[in-house]
Amino acid sequence: MSEAFDDKLRRALRPVDPGEDFTRSVMEGLPPTIAESRHDARLPSRTKAMWWSAAAAAAVAAAAVVTVGWRIQEQRELEAGLRAREQLLEALQVTSEKLNLAYRVVHDRSSRESEADDGKKADPVDPAGV
């Protein structure tokens, strides 16, 4: 496209202010509640109250979600701690059993050896020293 055509198109499509009379006639054609709300930038007090109520409800819901999440995490940690405790107690029980078994093996072996030593000492010694 040529630049002349572009310039012509821009001039034809440039924004034009319709004027106060046009704006007033359009606003008068609207129903009164819509026309008033368009001119009044402030929110009606009922709308403000609803907005604050919605904001408060959202804050309460967010606090509830955070609290429930915290409780769930706390419960999971407690359950994990209890499982770890059970595993520790089981490991200690197995260790105790193994230590008791090792003690019995060592004790039985040493008592057999001492009995064997006692048996050698109990042999009558040749009075002649032979």
Protein backbone atom coordinates (compact mmCIF):
# COMPACT_ATOMS: atom_id res chain seq x y z
CA MET A 1 0.00 0.00 0.00
CA SER A 2 1.12 3.50 -0.62
CA GLU A 3 1.77 6.07 2.05
CA ALA A 4 -0.85 8.38 0.63
CA PHE A 5 -3.49 5.72 1.07
CA ASP A 6 -2.31 5.07 4.65
CA ASP A 7 -2.54 8.78 5.49
CA LYS A 8 -6.01 9.01 3.97
CA LEU A 9 -7.13 5.99 5.98
CA ARG A 10 -5.71 7.42 9.22
CA ARG A 11 -7.54 10.73 8.69
CA ALA A 12 -10.79 8.92 7.98
CA LEU A 13 -10.48 6.68 11.06
CA ARG A 14 -9.17 9.26 13.52
CA PRO A 15 -11.14 9.57 16.76
CA VAL A 16 -13.66 12.38 16.79
CA ASP A 17 -15.16 13.89 19.93
CA PRO A 18 -18.96 13.70 19.51
CA GLY A 19 -19.50 16.68 21.80
CA GLU A 20 -21.42 17.25 25.00
CA ASP A 21 -24.83 17.27 23.32
CA PHE A 22 -24.37 13.75 21.95
CA THR A 23 -23.10 12.44 25.33
CA ARG A 24 -26.03 14.06 27.17
CA SER A 25 -28.60 12.63 24.75
CA VAL A 26 -27.13 9.12 25.07
CA MET A 27 -27.12 9.37 28.88
CA GLU A 28 -30.72 10.58 28.90
CA GLY A 29 -31.71 7.59 26.79
CA LEU A 30 -30.38 5.15 29.39
CA PRO A 31 -32.54 3.96 32.28
CA PRO A 32 -32.04 6.14 35.40
CA THR A 33 -30.20 3.51 37.50
CA ILE A 34 -27.61 2.87 34.79
CA ALA A 35 -27.14 6.56 34.07
CA GLU A 36 -26.66 7.37 37.79
CA SER A 37 -24.19 4.57 38.37
CA ARG A 38 -22.16 5.76 35.37
CA HIS A 39 -21.90 9.29 36.78
CA ASP A 40 -21.36 8.22 40.40
CA ALA A 41 -17.86 6.75 40.60
CA ARG A 42 -18.38 5.70 44.20
CA LEU A 43 -19.86 2.31 44.95
CA PRO A 44 -23.19 2.23 46.77
CA SER A 45 -22.88 1.34 50.46
CA ARG A 46 -24.66 -1.98 49.89
CA THR A 47 -22.13 -2.95 47.23
CA LYS A 48 -19.28 -1.93 49.55
CA ALA A 49 -20.72 -4.07 52.33
CA MET A 50 -21.02 -7.02 49.97
CA TRP A 51 -17.44 -6.50 48.80
CA TRP A 52 -16.13 -6.42 52.39
CA SER A 53 -18.21 -9.47 53.26
CA ALA A 54 -16.80 -11.35 50.30
CA ALA A 55 -13.26 -10.28 51.23
CA ALA A 56 -13.79 -11.41 54.83
CA ALA A 57 -15.21 -14.75 53.68
CA ALA A 58 -12.23 -15.25 51.37
CA ALA A 59 -9.83 -14.45 54.22
CA VAL A 60 -11.59 -16.92 56.53
CA ALA A 61 -11.53 -19.59 53.81
CA ALA A 62 -7.82 -19.01 53.20
CA ALA A 63 -7.10 -19.23 56.94
CA ALA A 64 -9.11 -22.46 57.14
CA VAL A 65 -7.20 -23.98 54.22
CA VAL A 66 -3.86 -23.03 55.79
CA THR A 67 -4.92 -24.41 59.18
CA VAL A 68 -6.17 -27.68 57.71
CA GLY A 69 -2.97 -28.05 55.70
CA TRP A 70 -0.90 -27.41 58.79
CA ARG A 71 -2.90 -30.00 60.76
CA ILE A 72 -2.50 -32.59 58.00
CA GLN A 73 1.26 -31.99 57.89
CA GLU A 74 1.45 -32.25 61.68
CA GLN A 75 -0.48 -35.55 61.60
CA ARG A 76 1.84 -36.96 58.92
CA GLU A 77 4.90 -36.02 60.97
CA LEU A 78 3.38 -37.66 64.06
CA GLU A 79 2.64 -40.86 62.14
CA ALA A 80 6.16 -40.89 60.70
CA GLY A 81 7.58 -40.47 64.20
CA LEU A 82 5.49 -43.36 65.51
CA ARG A 83 6.62 -45.60 62.63
CA ALA A 84 10.25 -44.68 63.34
CA ARG A 85 9.72 -45.47 67.03
CA GLU A 86 8.26 -48.88 66.18
CA GLN A 87 11.18 -49.64 63.88
CA LEU A 88 13.67 -48.58 66.56
CA LEU A 89 12.01 -50.78 69.19
CA GLU A 90 12.02 -53.73 66.79
CA ALA A 91 15.70 -53.17 65.99
CA LEU A 92 16.53 -52.96 69.70
CA GLN A 93 14.63 -56.20 70.36
CA VAL A 94 16.46 -58.03 67.56
CA THR A 95 19.79 -56.64 68.82
CA SER A 96 18.98 -57.76 72.36
CA GLU A 97 18.15 -61.27 71.18
CA LYS A 98 21.37 -61.49 69.17
CA LEU A 99 23.44 -60.20 72.11
CA ASN A 100 21.80 -62.73 74.45
CA LEU A 101 22.57 -65.50 71.97
CA ALA A 102 26.20 -64.36 71.67
CA TYR A 103 26.47 -64.17 75.48
CA ARG A 104 25.15 -67.73 75.85
CA VAL A 105 27.54 -69.05 73.20
CA VAL A 106 30.52 -67.34 74.83
CA HIS A 107 29.41 -68.30 78.34
CA ASP A 108 28.80 -71.95 77.39
CA ARG A 109 32.16 -72.16 75.63
CA SER A 110 34.03 -70.61 78.57
CA SER A 111 32.28 -72.85 81.08
CA ARG A 112 33.18 -75.94 79.00
CA GLU A 113 36.76 -74.79 78.84
CA SER A 114 36.87 -74.16 82.58
CA GLU A 115 35.34 -77.59 83.20
CA ALA A 116 37.99 -79.10 80.97
CA ASP A 117 40.67 -77.20 82.88
CA ASP A 118 39.15 -78.36 86.17
CA GLY A 119 39.18 -81.94 84.90
CA LYS A 120 42.93 -81.75 84.22
CA LYS A 121 43.58 -80.33 87.67
CA ALA A 122 41.42 -82.96 89.27
CA ASP A 123 43.58 -85.79 87.88
CA PRO A 124 45.56 -87.34 90.64
CA VAL A 125 49.15 -86.33 90.50
CA ASP A 126 51.67 -89.11 90.68
CA PRO A 127 53.10 -88.85 94.17
CA ALA A 128 56.42 -90.00 92.93
CA GLY A 129 56.60 -87.12 90.47
CA VAL A 130 56.83 -89.41 87.54
